[in-house]
C-alpha atoms as a PDB file:
ATOM      1  CA  UNK A   1      71.543  52.565 181.700  1.00  0.00           C
ATOM      2  CA  UNK A   2      70.866  53.157 178.016  1.00  0.00           C
ATOM      3  CA  UNK A   3      71.740  50.176 175.841  1.00  0.00           C
ATOM      4  CA  UNK A   4      70.654  48.639 172.552  1.00  0.00           C
ATOM      5  CA  UNK A   5      71.544  44.982 172.052  1.00  0.00           C
ATOM      6  CA  UNK A   6      72.264  43.601 168.584  1.00  0.00           C
ATOM      7  CA  UNK A   7      70.119  40.517 169.092  1.00  0.00           C
ATOM      8  CA  UNK A   8      66.829  38.861 168.213  1.00  0.00           C
ATOM      9  CA  UNK A   9      64.265  40.234 170.676  1.00  0.00           C
ATOM     10  CA  UNK A  10      62.746  36.813 171.372  1.00  0.00           C
ATOM     11  CA  UNK A  11      66.133  35.429 172.351  1.00  0.00           C
ATOM     12  CA  UNK A  12      66.740  38.467 174.561  1.00  0.00           C
ATOM     13  CA  UNK A  13      63.363  38.402 176.311  1.00  0.00           C
ATOM     14  CA  UNK A  14      63.715  34.727 177.243  1.00  0.00           C
ATOM     15  CA  UNK A  15      66.456  35.762 179.676  1.00  0.00           C
ATOM     16  CA  UNK A  16      64.432  38.552 181.302  1.00  0.00           C
ATOM     17  CA  UNK A  17      62.481  37.979 184.572  1.00  0.00           C
ATOM     18  CA  UNK A  18      58.705  38.377 184.673  1.00  0.00           C
ATOM     19  CA  UNK A  19      57.490  42.002 184.767  1.00  0.00           C
ATOM     20  CA  UNK A  20      61.053  43.335 184.811  1.00  0.00           C
ATOM     21  CA  UNK A  21      60.250  46.422 182.723  1.00  0.00           C
ATOM     22  CA  UNK A  22      57.719  48.949 183.951  1.00  0.00           C
ATOM     23  CA  UNK A  23      56.832  50.008 180.400  1.00  0.00           C
ATOM     24  CA  UNK A  24      57.404  48.589 176.920  1.00  0.00           C
ATOM     25  CA  UNK A  25      56.976  51.011 174.018  1.00  0.00           C
ATOM     26  CA  UNK A  26      57.353  49.008 170.815  1.00  0.00           C
ATOM     27  CA  UNK A  27      56.924  49.482 167.089  1.00  0.00           C
ATOM     28  CA  UNK A  28      57.083  46.022 165.470  1.00  0.00           C
ATOM     29  CA  UNK A  29      56.838  45.641 161.670  1.00  0.00           C
ATOM     30  CA  UNK A  30      53.199  45.622 160.590  1.00  0.00           C
ATOM     31  CA  UNK A  31      53.975  43.920 157.268  1.00  0.00           C
ATOM     32  CA  UNK A  32      56.880  43.264 154.928  1.00  0.00           C
ATOM     33  CA  UNK A  33      57.557  45.954 152.326  1.00  0.00           C
ATOM     34  CA  UNK A  34      59.006  49.176 153.784  1.00  0.00           C
ATOM     35  CA  UNK A  35      62.360  47.458 154.322  1.00  0.00           C
ATOM     36  CA  UNK A  36      62.792  47.359 150.537  1.00  0.00           C
ATOM     37  CA  UNK A  37      62.789  51.153 150.281  1.00  0.00           C
ATOM     38  CA  UNK A  38      66.179  52.790 150.019  1.00  0.00           C
ATOM     39  CA  UNK A  39      67.808  56.182 149.992  1.00  0.00           C
ATOM     40  CA  UNK A  40      71.570  56.626 149.966  1.00  0.00           C
ATOM     41  CA  UNK A  41      72.589  59.958 151.418  1.00  0.00           C
ATOM     42  CA  UNK A  42      70.824  63.226 150.682  1.00  0.00           C
ATOM     43  CA  UNK A  43      68.644  63.080 147.583  1.00  0.00           C
ATOM     44  CA  UNK A  44      67.753  66.334 145.823  1.00  0.00           C
ATOM     45  CA  UNK A  45      64.201  66.913 144.647  1.00  0.00           C
ATOM     46  CA  UNK A  46      61.952  69.782 143.599  1.00  0.00           C
ATOM     47  CA  UNK A  47      61.009  70.439 147.241  1.00  0.00           C
ATOM     48  CA  UNK A  48      64.508  70.285 148.697  1.00  0.00           C
ATOM     49  CA  UNK A  49      66.717  67.596 150.193  1.00  0.00           C
ATOM     50  CA  UNK A  50      65.448  64.237 151.437  1.00  0.00           C
ATOM     51  CA  UNK A  51      67.490  63.716 154.580  1.00  0.00           C
ATOM     52  CA  UNK A  52      67.476  59.898 154.497  1.00  0.00           C
ATOM     53  CA  UNK A  53      70.308  57.393 154.502  1.00  0.00           C
ATOM     54  CA  UNK A  54      68.846  53.921 155.005  1.00  0.00           C
ATOM     55  CA  UNK A  55      69.472  50.795 152.948  1.00  0.00           C
ATOM     56  CA  UNK A  56      67.418  47.823 151.846  1.00  0.00           C
ATOM     57  CA  UNK A  57      67.260  45.036 154.403  1.00  0.00           C
ATOM     58  CA  UNK A  58      66.145  41.439 154.719  1.00  0.00           C
ATOM     59  CA  UNK A  59      62.407  40.755 154.711  1.00  0.00           C
ATOM     60  CA  UNK A  60      60.780  41.843 157.952  1.00  0.00           C
ATOM     61  CA  UNK A  61      59.078  39.193 160.056  1.00  0.00           C
ATOM     62  CA  UNK A  62      55.672  40.230 161.364  1.00  0.00           C
ATOM     63  CA  UNK A  63      55.434  39.190 165.044  1.00  0.00           C
ATOM     64  CA  UNK A  64      53.185  36.345 166.117  1.00  0.00           C
ATOM     65  CA  UNK A  65      51.246  35.633 169.295  1.00  0.00           C
ATOM     66  CA  UNK A  66      54.432  34.138 170.742  1.00  0.00           C
ATOM     67  CA  UNK A  67      56.128  37.539 170.580  1.00  0.00           C
ATOM     68  CA  UNK A  68      53.230  39.428 172.174  1.00  0.00           C
ATOM     69  CA  UNK A  69      52.854  36.895 174.976  1.00  0.00           C
ATOM     70  CA  UNK A  70      56.561  37.181 175.756  1.00  0.00           C
ATOM     71  CA  UNK A  71      56.353  40.981 175.676  1.00  0.00           C
ATOM     72  CA  UNK A  72      53.452  40.891 178.132  1.00  0.00           C
ATOM     73  CA  UNK A  73      55.460  38.571 180.384  1.00  0.00           C
ATOM     74  CA  UNK A  74      58.511  40.861 180.695  1.00  0.00           C
ATOM     75  CA  UNK A  75      56.648  44.188 180.949  1.00  0.00           C
ATOM     76  CA  UNK A  76      54.001  45.506 183.320  1.00  0.00           C
ATOM     77  CA  UNK A  77      52.577  48.072 180.925  1.00  0.00           C
ATOM     78  CA  UNK A  78      52.791  48.337 177.165  1.00  0.00           C
ATOM     79  CA  UNK A  79      52.211  50.652 174.211  1.00  0.00           C
ATOM     80  CA  UNK A  80      52.214  48.738 170.913  1.00  0.00           C
ATOM     81  CA  UNK A  81      52.144  50.654 167.628  1.00  0.00           C
ATOM     82  CA  UNK A  82      50.329  49.223 164.639  1.00  0.00           C
ATOM     83  CA  UNK A  83      48.068  47.064 166.765  1.00  0.00           C
ATOM     84  CA  UNK A  84      45.241  47.397 164.226  1.00  0.00           C
ATOM     85  CA  UNK A  85      47.283  45.353 161.755  1.00  0.00           C
ATOM     86  CA  UNK A  86      47.703  42.279 163.953  1.00  0.00           C
ATOM     87  CA  UNK A  87      45.374  39.336 164.358  1.00  0.00           C
ATOM     88  CA  UNK A  88      45.726  39.482 168.119  1.00  0.00           C
ATOM     89  CA  UNK A  89      43.469  40.671 170.948  1.00  0.00           C
ATOM     90  CA  UNK A  90      44.805  43.700 172.838  1.00  0.00           C
ATOM     91  CA  UNK A  91      43.406  45.751 175.711  1.00  0.00           C
ATOM     92  CA  UNK A  92      40.893  48.423 174.757  1.00  0.00           C
ATOM     93  CA  UNK A  93      43.055  51.498 175.400  1.00  0.00           C
ATOM     94  CA  UNK A  94      44.162  53.312 172.240  1.00  0.00           C
ATOM     95  CA  UNK A  95      46.654  56.063 171.437  1.00  0.00           C
ATOM     96  CA  UNK A  96      46.278  57.833 168.097  1.00  0.00           C
ATOM     97  CA  UNK A  97      49.213  59.621 166.498  1.00  0.00           C
ATOM     98  CA  UNK A  98      47.724  62.143 164.043  1.00  0.00           C
ATOM     99  CA  UNK A  99      50.522  62.747 161.514  1.00  0.00           C
ATOM    100  CA  UNK A 100      48.840  65.927 160.172  1.00  0.00           C
ATOM    101  CA  UNK A 101      49.283  64.722 156.586  1.00  0.00           C
ATOM    102  CA  UNK A 102      45.698  64.646 155.309  1.00  0.00           C
ATOM    103  CA  UNK A 103      46.764  65.535 151.747  1.00  0.00           C
ATOM    104  CA  UNK A 104      49.268  62.672 151.615  1.00  0.00           C
ATOM    105  CA  UNK A 105      48.710  59.213 150.135  1.00  0.00           C
ATOM    106  CA  UNK A 106      50.035  57.720 153.385  1.00  0.00           C
ATOM    107  CA  UNK A 107      47.918  56.908 156.439  1.00  0.00           C
ATOM    108  CA  UNK A 108      46.527  59.920 158.280  1.00  0.00           C
ATOM    109  CA  UNK A 109      47.434  58.397 161.628  1.00  0.00           C
ATOM    110  CA  UNK A 110      48.953  55.430 163.434  1.00  0.00           C
ATOM    111  CA  UNK A 111      47.272  53.496 166.229  1.00  0.00           C
ATOM    112  CA  UNK A 112      48.746  51.967 169.370  1.00  0.00           C
ATOM    113  CA  UNK A 113      47.111  49.675 171.908  1.00  0.00           C
ATOM    114  CA  UNK A 114      47.858  49.982 175.593  1.00  0.00           C
ATOM    115  CA  UNK A 115      46.871  48.449 178.924  1.00  0.00           C
ATOM    116  CA  UNK A 116      47.534  51.708 180.784  1.00  0.00           C
ATOM    117  CA  UNK A 117      43.962  52.974 180.325  1.00  0.00           C
ATOM    118  CA  UNK A 118      40.767  51.988 178.497  1.00  0.00           C
ATOM    119  CA  UNK A 119      39.930  55.207 176.628  1.00  0.00           C
ATOM    120  CA  UNK A 120      41.467  56.969 173.590  1.00  0.00           C
ATOM    121  CA  UNK A 121      44.118  59.699 173.509  1.00  0.00           C
ATOM    122  CA  UNK A 122      45.407  61.693 170.495  1.00  0.00           C
ATOM    123  CA  UNK A 123      48.824  63.230 169.861  1.00  0.00           C
ATOM    124  CA  UNK A 124      49.137  65.531 166.850  1.00  0.00           C
ATOM    125  CA  UNK A 125      52.575  65.884 165.323  1.00  0.00           C
ATOM    126  CA  UNK A 126      53.315  66.544 161.641  1.00  0.00           C
ATOM    127  CA  UNK A 127      55.394  63.833 159.959  1.00  0.00           C
ATOM    128  CA  UNK A 128      55.252  63.806 156.176  1.00  0.00           C
ATOM    129  CA  UNK A 129      58.549  63.711 154.297  1.00  0.00           C
ATOM    130  CA  UNK A 130      60.261  67.081 154.728  1.00  0.00           C
ATOM    131  CA  UNK A 131      57.313  68.401 156.726  1.00  0.00           C
ATOM    132  CA  UNK A 132      57.913  67.806 160.426  1.00  0.00           C
ATOM    133  CA  UNK A 133      56.244  69.279 163.498  1.00  0.00           C
ATOM    134  CA  UNK A 134      57.674  72.318 165.232  1.00  0.00           C
ATOM    135  CA  UNK A 135      57.467  70.979 168.799  1.00  0.00           C
ATOM    136  CA  UNK A 136      55.389  68.790 171.101  1.00  0.00           C
ATOM    137  CA  UNK A 137      53.153  71.759 171.944  1.00  0.00           C
ATOM    138  CA  UNK A 138      52.970  72.937 168.323  1.00  0.00           C
ATOM    139  CA  UNK A 139      52.928  69.628 166.527  1.00  0.00           C
ATOM    140  CA  UNK A 140      50.408  70.798 163.936  1.00  0.00           C
ATOM    141  CA  UNK A 141      52.736  73.633 162.906  1.00  0.00           C
ATOM    142  CA  UNK A 142      55.504  72.820 160.445  1.00  0.00           C
ATOM    143  CA  UNK A 143      59.079  73.365 161.576  1.00  0.00           C
ATOM    144  CA  UNK A 144      60.186  76.370 159.556  1.00  0.00           C
ATOM    145  CA  UNK A 145      63.891  75.569 159.283  1.00  0.00           C
ATOM    146  CA  UNK A 146      64.066  72.195 157.513  1.00  0.00           C
ATOM    147  CA  UNK A 147      67.775  71.915 158.301  1.00  0.00           C
ATOM    148  CA  UNK A 148      66.636  71.133 161.860  1.00  0.00           C
ATOM    149  CA  UNK A 149      64.508  68.185 160.745  1.00  0.00           C
ATOM    150  CA  UNK A 150      65.300  64.793 162.217  1.00  0.00           C
ATOM    151  CA  UNK A 151      67.642  62.859 159.950  1.00  0.00           C
ATOM    152  CA  UNK A 152      65.842  59.781 158.571  1.00  0.00           C
ATOM    153  CA  UNK A 153      67.880  56.589 158.964  1.00  0.00           C
ATOM    154  CA  UNK A 154      65.035  54.041 158.955  1.00  0.00           C
ATOM    155  CA  UNK A 155      62.068  53.528 156.585  1.00  0.00           C
ATOM    156  CA  UNK A 156      59.473  53.518 159.399  1.00  0.00           C
ATOM    157  CA  UNK A 157      61.172  56.036 161.690  1.00  0.00           C
ATOM    158  CA  UNK A 158      59.035  57.796 164.298  1.00  0.00           C
ATOM    159  CA  UNK A 159      59.814  61.255 165.741  1.00  0.00           C
ATOM    160  CA  UNK A 160      61.583  61.683 169.070  1.00  0.00           C
ATOM    161  CA  UNK A 161      58.792  64.082 170.069  1.00  0.00           C
ATOM    162  CA  UNK A 162      56.254  61.246 169.921  1.00  0.00           C
ATOM    163  CA  UNK A 163      58.229  59.142 172.397  1.00  0.00           C
ATOM    164  CA  UNK A 164      58.829  62.122 174.685  1.00  0.00           C
ATOM    165  CA  UNK A 165      55.092  62.779 174.770  1.00  0.00           C
ATOM    166  CA  UNK A 166      54.428  59.128 175.636  1.00  0.00           C
ATOM    167  CA  UNK A 167      57.053  59.132 178.393  1.00  0.00           C
ATOM    168  CA  UNK A 168      55.812  62.420 179.821  1.00  0.00           C
ATOM    169  CA  UNK A 169      52.242  61.155 180.046  1.00  0.00           C
ATOM    170  CA  UNK A 170      52.551  57.432 180.713  1.00  0.00           C
ATOM    171  CA  UNK A 171      55.903  56.721 182.384  1.00  0.00           C
ATOM    172  CA  UNK A 172      56.903  57.379 185.972  1.00  0.00           C
ATOM    173  CA  UNK A 173      60.299  58.390 187.397  1.00  0.00           C
ATOM    174  CA  UNK A 174      62.690  55.419 187.713  1.00  0.00           C
ATOM    175  CA  UNK A 175      60.667  53.299 185.271  1.00  0.00           C
ATOM    176  CA  UNK A 176      62.705  50.886 183.164  1.00  0.00           C
ATOM    177  CA  UNK A 177      61.692  51.250 179.509  1.00  0.00           C
ATOM    178  CA  UNK A 178      61.964  48.498 176.889  1.00  0.00           C
ATOM    179  CA  UNK A 179      61.823  48.669 173.082  1.00  0.00           C
ATOM    180  CA  UNK A 180      61.984  45.354 171.227  1.00  0.00           C
ATOM    181  CA  UNK A 181      62.407  46.933 167.758  1.00  0.00           C
ATOM    182  CA  UNK A 182      64.654  49.972 168.189  1.00  0.00           C
ATOM    183  CA  UNK A 183      65.057  50.840 164.497  1.00  0.00           C
ATOM    184  CA  UNK A 184      66.211  54.448 164.238  1.00  0.00           C
ATOM    185  CA  UNK A 185      66.676  54.864 168.002  1.00  0.00           C
ATOM    186  CA  UNK A 186      64.110  57.640 168.533  1.00  0.00           C
ATOM    187  CA  UNK A 187      62.802  55.917 171.669  1.00  0.00           C
ATOM    188  CA  UNK A 188      66.355  55.617 172.989  1.00  0.00           C
ATOM    189  CA  UNK A 189      67.067  59.320 172.498  1.00  0.00           C
ATOM    190  CA  UNK A 190      63.804  60.310 174.192  1.00  0.00           C
ATOM    191  CA  UNK A 191      64.629  58.136 177.211  1.00  0.00           C
ATOM    192  CA  UNK A 192      68.146  59.575 177.415  1.00  0.00           C
ATOM    193  CA  UNK A 193      66.888  63.160 177.320  1.00  0.00           C
ATOM    194  CA  UNK A 194      64.244  62.484 179.960  1.00  0.00           C
ATOM    195  CA  UNK A 195      66.421  60.405 182.301  1.00  0.00           C
ATOM    196  CA  UNK A 196      64.821  56.968 181.922  1.00  0.00           C
ATOM    197  CA  UNK A 197      66.669  53.665 181.992  1.00  0.00           C
ATOM    198  CA  UNK A 198      66.376  52.180 178.523  1.00  0.00           C
ATOM    199  CA  UNK A 199      66.974  48.732 177.074  1.00  0.00           C
ATOM    200  CA  UNK A 200      66.398  47.904 173.441  1.00  0.00           C
ATOM    201  CA  UNK A 201      66.906  45.228 170.806  1.00  0.00           C
ATOM    202  CA  UNK A 202      67.714  45.579 167.118  1.00  0.00           C
ATOM    203  CA  UNK A 203      68.269  42.598 164.848  1.00  0.00           C
ATOM    204  CA  UNK A 204      69.546  44.308 161.693  1.00  0.00           C
ATOM    205  CA  UNK A 205      73.257  45.229 161.971  1.00  0.00           C
ATOM    206  CA  UNK A 206      72.968  48.188 159.574  1.00  0.00           C
ATOM    207  CA  UNK A 207      70.096  49.753 161.525  1.00  0.00           C
ATOM    208  CA  UNK A 208      71.868  48.951 164.803  1.00  0.00           C
ATOM    209  CA  UNK A 209      75.029  50.737 163.654  1.00  0.00           C
ATOM    210  CA  UNK A 210      73.068  53.710 162.308  1.00  0.00           C
ATOM    211  CA  UNK A 211      71.161  54.246 165.556  1.00  0.00           C
ATOM    212  CA  UNK A 212      74.398  53.865 167.565  1.00  0.00           C
ATOM    213  CA  UNK A 213      75.958  56.649 165.508  1.00  0.00           C
ATOM    214  CA  UNK A 214      72.837  58.779 165.827  1.00  0.00           C
ATOM    215  CA  UNK A 215      72.782  58.295 169.604  1.00  0.00           C
ATOM    216  CA  UNK A 216      76.499  59.088 169.953  1.00  0.00           C
ATOM    217  CA  UNK A 217      76.098  62.262 167.912  1.00  0.00           C
ATOM    218  CA  UNK A 218      73.076  63.306 169.995  1.00  0.00           C
ATOM    219  CA  UNK A 219      74.840  62.754 173.317  1.00  0.00           C
ATOM    220  CA  UNK A 220      77.968  64.559 172.111  1.00  0.00           C
ATOM    221  CA  UNK A 221      75.866  67.579 171.155  1.00  0.00           C
ATOM    222  CA  UNK A 222      74.251  67.480 174.583  1.00  0.00           C
ATOM    223  CA  UNK A 223      77.627  67.386 176.299  1.00  0.00           C
ATOM    224  CA  UNK A 224      78.809  70.291 174.138  1.00  0.00           C
ATOM    225  CA  UNK A 225      75.803  72.441 175.039  1.00  0.00           C
ATOM    226  CA  UNK A 226      76.193  71.523 178.721  1.00  0.00           C
ATOM    227  CA  UNK A 227      79.805  72.610 178.590  1.00  0.00           C
ATOM    228  CA  UNK A 228      78.881  75.908 176.941  1.00  0.00           C
ATOM    229  CA  UNK A 229      76.203  76.537 179.560  1.00  0.00           C
ATOM    230  CA  UNK A 230      78.686  75.817 182.348  1.00  0.00           C
ATOM    231  CA  UNK A 231      81.288  78.131 180.833  1.00  0.00           C
ATOM    232  CA  UNK A 232      78.680  80.888 180.451  1.00  0.00           C
ATOM    233  CA  UNK A 233      77.608  80.464 184.060  1.00  0.00           C
ATOM    234  CA  UNK A 234      81.221  80.788 185.232  1.00  0.00           C
ATOM    235  CA  UNK A 235      81.650  84.039 183.301  1.00  0.00           C
ATOM    236  CA  UNK A 236      78.524  85.664 184.735  1.00  0.00           C
END
């Protein structure tokens, strides 16, 4: 199963049994502001093409204790991005995403809280405008061919590689994964590629449609490559 529901996550979670999901990986809005950014199509600049196509949206609602308590109820384990922004007490485990953008005016890293462990782990993957990491193993190295960059359809989009790293290290086979704020659908794509059941929620219809199209395009490309591999195998 790999589904994203166009629904308010609180309404959705109220119908979910206790501890139904083995792991929740979520990226709620830390504050209102990024949703007012906008790029329409490819935008030329002195450094190339900004591959972004998102629109302005309604003001984001920062989650309250009610949201976190409901998330804890429906999931056994959690990874919550932006936990340092919330006035809420989380478990002591931390995951640091080093964005390898020290010369940028944006944050050098993002922080997630988790109840999976009590120590700190770091994942380094470049994510600064047109500069994106080469791979999970070479995240500090910039991808040379910018035409292969992930297309940006959401103002706070995270890379698929980040979610794949999280799943590889902190999810187990047959785990059911939940994302309450799907956004660009990076978590959904990572779960699809790695064979995890995935359920997500997205409230904004424009973002929901954009991630549906992104997911369909990704799966179609996968089917195409699988077909080519099969044909090649038959010819050998």
